[in-house]
């Protein structure tokens, strides 16, 4: 019984992410979310008393996926700066592949200031980016003469711009090229002269990347919710 309840909850969080991403927080209704998940409205209310609670759960799911990917990238032995580069590629792909990620950004923007929503995915994304950048500084990967405030502001703005680019609806292949191009321009200004050659600006090799985003797609399919089956960090530009 407990396993079935948890499966239903995962279906609802996935369905909520899909609807918030597609329609926005204000326009998404609990009725359509329940229908998309294939459960009754009563089952939805058993798990979430309000749309605010479901939106919070979606953002928490997005945070979980983000932090899990950063942990896996760190565990692979990458340097902090390479981990940061690869994390931005992870974001670019999962703004397309995993609805909890774009939904979390959209909820944050549409519900700014609502006391019911304690999680702010945008701030958490920036915290992860700036945390990795500080690790790179402390590891000696950045130029010693650079002004920290300027470096942090530049990288933070670039990292936030990835979501803005994805929101235009550009094809993923173009977004991937733009993220790679971004780092091609940024790295020479961030690291000591010539050190940019030590870093890869493009997508990581599939064998070195997190295999799937928290196995979200498989969980959704097993739970009866449709989701794309394309692998995360497949290396494909299609």
Protein backbone atom coordinates (compact mmCIF):
# COMPACT_ATOMS: atom_id res chain seq x y z
CA UNK A 1 0.00 0.00 0.00
CA UNK A 2 2.79 2.41 0.92
CA UNK A 3 4.63 1.67 -2.33
CA UNK A 4 1.48 2.30 -4.37
CA UNK A 5 0.90 5.57 -2.51
CA UNK A 6 4.46 6.71 -3.22
CA UNK A 7 4.08 5.75 -6.88
CA UNK A 8 0.90 7.83 -7.11
CA UNK A 9 2.68 10.76 -5.51
CA UNK A 10 5.51 10.55 -8.03
CA UNK A 11 2.98 10.46 -10.87
CA UNK A 12 1.31 13.59 -9.52
CA UNK A 13 4.58 15.47 -9.15
CA UNK A 14 5.51 14.52 -12.70
CA UNK A 15 2.08 15.52 -14.02
CA UNK A 16 2.23 18.79 -12.07
CA UNK A 17 5.62 19.55 -13.57
CA UNK A 18 4.29 18.92 -17.07
CA UNK A 19 1.26 21.16 -16.59
CA UNK A 20 3.13 23.97 -14.81
CA UNK A 21 5.76 23.90 -17.53
CA UNK A 22 3.24 23.91 -20.38
CA UNK A 23 0.56 26.22 -19.01
CA UNK A 24 2.13 28.15 -16.15
CA UNK A 25 1.21 28.10 -12.49
CA UNK A 26 -1.90 30.27 -12.77
CA UNK A 27 -3.45 28.40 -15.70
CA UNK A 28 -2.70 24.83 -14.60
CA UNK A 29 -5.62 23.27 -12.73
CA UNK A 30 -5.65 20.42 -10.25
CA UNK A 31 -8.34 18.69 -12.33
CA UNK A 32 -6.15 18.56 -15.45
CA UNK A 33 -3.12 17.55 -13.40
CA UNK A 34 -5.05 14.64 -11.88
CA UNK A 35 -6.32 13.65 -15.34
CA UNK A 36 -2.82 13.77 -16.81
CA UNK A 37 -1.55 11.59 -13.96
CA UNK A 38 -4.43 9.17 -14.46
CA UNK A 39 -5.70 9.47 -10.88
CA UNK A 40 -8.83 10.88 -9.28
CA UNK A 41 -8.98 14.37 -7.87
CA UNK A 42 -9.54 12.77 -4.47
CA UNK A 43 -6.27 10.89 -4.81
CA UNK A 44 -4.54 14.15 -5.63
CA UNK A 45 -5.97 15.84 -2.53
CA UNK A 46 -4.83 12.89 -0.42
CA UNK A 47 -1.25 13.82 -1.29
CA UNK A 48 -1.49 17.58 -1.86
CA UNK A 49 -3.98 19.84 -0.11
CA UNK A 50 -3.50 22.66 -2.63
CA UNK A 51 -1.85 23.70 -5.86
CA UNK A 52 0.76 25.52 -3.79
CA UNK A 53 1.77 22.26 -2.09
CA UNK A 54 2.11 20.51 -5.44
CA UNK A 55 4.13 23.40 -6.89
CA UNK A 56 6.44 23.20 -3.88
CA UNK A 57 6.87 19.45 -4.44
CA UNK A 58 7.74 20.06 -8.10
CA UNK A 59 10.42 22.57 -7.14
CA UNK A 60 11.82 20.22 -4.51
CA UNK A 61 12.02 17.53 -7.20
CA UNK A 62 13.90 19.93 -9.47
CA UNK A 63 16.33 20.73 -6.64
CA UNK A 64 16.84 17.04 -5.94
CA UNK A 65 17.70 16.34 -9.58
CA UNK A 66 20.07 19.29 -9.78
CA UNK A 67 21.95 18.41 -6.60
CA UNK A 68 22.10 14.74 -7.54
CA UNK A 69 23.67 15.57 -10.90
CA UNK A 70 26.26 17.86 -9.30
CA UNK A 71 27.15 15.15 -6.78
CA UNK A 72 27.63 12.61 -9.57
CA UNK A 73 29.75 14.99 -11.63
CA UNK A 74 31.92 15.78 -8.62
CA UNK A 75 32.29 12.09 -7.79
CA UNK A 76 33.65 11.42 -11.30
CA UNK A 77 36.84 13.29 -10.42
CA UNK A 78 36.27 16.40 -12.53
CA UNK A 79 37.76 19.67 -11.39
CA UNK A 80 35.31 22.24 -9.94
CA UNK A 81 35.42 24.39 -13.08
CA UNK A 82 34.85 21.43 -15.42
CA UNK A 83 32.01 20.33 -13.15
CA UNK A 84 30.49 23.79 -13.56
CA UNK A 85 30.77 23.61 -17.36
CA UNK A 86 29.18 20.17 -17.39
CA UNK A 87 26.43 21.27 -15.01
CA UNK A 88 25.40 24.01 -17.43
CA UNK A 89 25.20 21.41 -20.20
CA UNK A 90 23.10 19.25 -17.86
CA UNK A 91 20.75 22.18 -17.38
CA UNK A 92 20.47 22.87 -21.10
CA UNK A 93 19.51 19.26 -21.81
CA UNK A 94 17.11 18.88 -18.92
CA UNK A 95 15.27 22.08 -19.64
CA UNK A 96 14.11 19.95 -22.59
CA UNK A 97 14.07 16.44 -21.12
CA UNK A 98 12.89 16.71 -17.51
CA UNK A 99 9.74 18.82 -16.95
CA UNK A 100 10.53 19.45 -13.27
CA UNK A 101 13.45 21.66 -14.31
CA UNK A 102 11.70 24.21 -16.59
CA UNK A 103 8.60 23.99 -14.39
CA UNK A 104 10.66 24.91 -11.34
CA UNK A 105 12.05 27.99 -13.08
CA UNK A 106 8.58 29.00 -14.24
CA UNK A 107 7.00 28.52 -10.81
CA UNK A 108 9.76 30.61 -9.23
CA UNK A 109 9.19 33.46 -11.67
CA UNK A 110 5.39 33.38 -11.56
CA UNK A 111 5.04 32.90 -7.80
CA UNK A 112 7.75 35.21 -6.48
CA UNK A 113 6.88 36.36 -2.98
CA UNK A 114 4.20 33.79 -2.23
CA UNK A 115 4.76 32.70 1.39
CA UNK A 116 3.34 29.23 0.66
CA UNK A 117 6.29 28.43 -1.61
CA UNK A 118 9.41 28.18 0.49
CA UNK A 119 11.62 26.87 -2.30
CA UNK A 120 13.14 29.22 -4.89
CA UNK A 121 14.67 27.08 -7.63
CA UNK A 122 16.26 30.05 -9.36
CA UNK A 123 18.22 30.93 -6.21
CA UNK A 124 19.23 27.32 -5.70
CA UNK A 125 20.50 27.09 -9.29
CA UNK A 126 22.57 30.24 -8.74
CA UNK A 127 23.84 28.89 -5.41
CA UNK A 128 25.09 25.71 -7.11
CA UNK A 129 26.75 27.71 -9.89
CA UNK A 130 28.43 30.17 -7.53
CA UNK A 131 29.43 27.38 -5.14
CA UNK A 132 31.25 25.52 -7.92
CA UNK A 133 32.87 28.76 -9.06
CA UNK A 134 34.14 29.44 -5.53
CA UNK A 135 35.54 25.90 -5.41
CA UNK A 136 37.33 26.58 -8.69
CA UNK A 137 38.78 29.79 -7.24
CA UNK A 138 39.93 28.03 -4.08
CA UNK A 139 41.49 25.25 -6.17
CA UNK A 140 43.56 27.82 -8.09
CA UNK A 141 41.75 27.31 -11.40
CA UNK A 142 40.86 30.99 -11.87
CA UNK A 143 43.09 33.95 -12.68
CA UNK A 144 44.66 35.29 -9.50
CA UNK A 145 44.31 38.90 -10.66
CA UNK A 146 40.60 38.70 -11.43
CA UNK A 147 38.09 40.66 -9.35
CA UNK A 148 35.89 38.08 -7.67
CA UNK A 149 32.70 40.14 -7.73
CA UNK A 150 33.02 40.73 -11.46
CA UNK A 151 33.81 37.07 -12.20
CA UNK A 152 30.88 35.83 -10.11
CA UNK A 153 28.46 38.32 -11.68
CA UNK A 154 29.53 37.40 -15.21
CA UNK A 155 29.24 33.64 -14.71
CA UNK A 156 25.95 33.95 -12.78
CA UNK A 157 24.41 36.04 -15.57
CA UNK A 158 25.59 33.55 -18.19
CA UNK A 159 24.22 30.59 -16.22
CA UNK A 160 20.81 32.25 -15.84
CA UNK A 161 20.79 33.12 -19.52
CA UNK A 162 20.71 29.43 -20.47
CA UNK A 163 17.16 29.12 -19.14
CA UNK A 164 16.16 32.31 -20.98
CA UNK A 165 17.56 30.93 -24.25
CA UNK A 166 15.76 27.62 -23.78
CA UNK A 167 12.50 29.47 -23.14
CA UNK A 168 12.62 30.89 -26.67
CA UNK A 169 11.94 27.38 -27.97
CA UNK A 170 15.16 27.07 -29.93
CA UNK A 171 16.09 23.49 -30.90
CA UNK A 172 18.22 21.67 -28.37
CA UNK A 173 21.12 21.30 -30.85
CA UNK A 174 21.30 25.08 -31.14
CA UNK A 175 21.09 25.54 -27.38
CA UNK A 176 23.89 23.01 -26.90
CA UNK A 177 26.08 24.90 -29.40
CA UNK A 178 25.35 28.18 -27.65
CA UNK A 179 26.33 26.81 -24.24
CA UNK A 180 29.57 25.47 -25.73
CA UNK A 181 30.19 28.82 -27.42
CA UNK A 182 29.53 30.62 -24.17
CA UNK A 183 32.29 28.69 -22.41
CA UNK A 184 34.65 29.10 -25.37
CA UNK A 185 34.41 32.83 -24.79
CA UNK A 186 34.31 32.79 -20.98
CA UNK A 187 37.12 30.37 -20.14
CA UNK A 188 40.03 32.42 -21.55
CA UNK A 189 38.93 35.35 -19.37
CA UNK A 190 38.49 33.19 -16.26
CA UNK A 191 41.59 30.99 -16.18
CA UNK A 192 45.34 31.70 -16.44
CA UNK A 193 46.62 32.28 -19.98
CA UNK A 194 46.64 29.05 -21.97
CA UNK A 195 44.88 27.03 -19.28
CA UNK A 196 41.58 27.06 -21.20
CA UNK A 197 42.98 24.21 -23.30
CA UNK A 198 42.73 21.96 -20.23
CA UNK A 199 38.93 22.22 -20.23
CA UNK A 200 36.24 20.74 -22.46
CA UNK A 201 33.58 23.26 -23.41
CA UNK A 202 31.17 20.83 -25.09
CA UNK A 203 29.00 18.02 -23.84
CA UNK A 204 30.71 15.41 -21.65
CA UNK A 205 31.32 11.94 -22.98
CA UNK A 206 28.20 9.79 -22.34
CA UNK A 207 30.27 7.27 -20.38
CA UNK A 208 31.42 9.99 -17.97
CA UNK A 209 28.09 11.70 -17.46
CA UNK A 210 25.19 10.91 -15.11
CA UNK A 211 23.34 8.10 -16.88
CA UNK A 212 19.85 9.52 -16.42
CA UNK A 213 18.41 12.36 -14.46
CA UNK A 214 17.44 10.46 -11.34
CA UNK A 215 15.96 7.80 -13.61
CA UNK A 216 12.98 10.16 -13.82
CA UNK A 217 11.88 9.00 -17.22
CA UNK A 218 11.92 5.33 -16.27
CA UNK A 219 10.03 6.05 -13.06
CA UNK A 220 7.42 7.97 -14.99
CA UNK A 221 6.99 5.24 -17.56
CA UNK A 222 6.71 2.55 -14.91
CA UNK A 223 4.18 4.71 -13.15
CA UNK A 224 2.11 5.00 -16.31
CA UNK A 225 2.98 8.60 -17.15
CA UNK A 226 4.28 9.32 -20.64
CA UNK A 227 7.73 10.84 -20.89
CA UNK A 228 10.50 11.07 -23.44
CA UNK A 229 12.83 8.10 -23.39
CA UNK A 230 15.90 9.97 -24.67
CA UNK A 231 18.88 9.45 -22.36
CA UNK A 232 20.44 12.31 -20.46
CA UNK A 233 23.84 13.37 -21.82
CA UNK A 234 23.39 11.09 -24.80
CA UNK A 235 25.83 13.19 -26.76
CA UNK A 236 23.21 13.54 -29.49
CA UNK A 237 22.56 16.94 -30.99
CA UNK A 238 19.25 15.89 -32.48
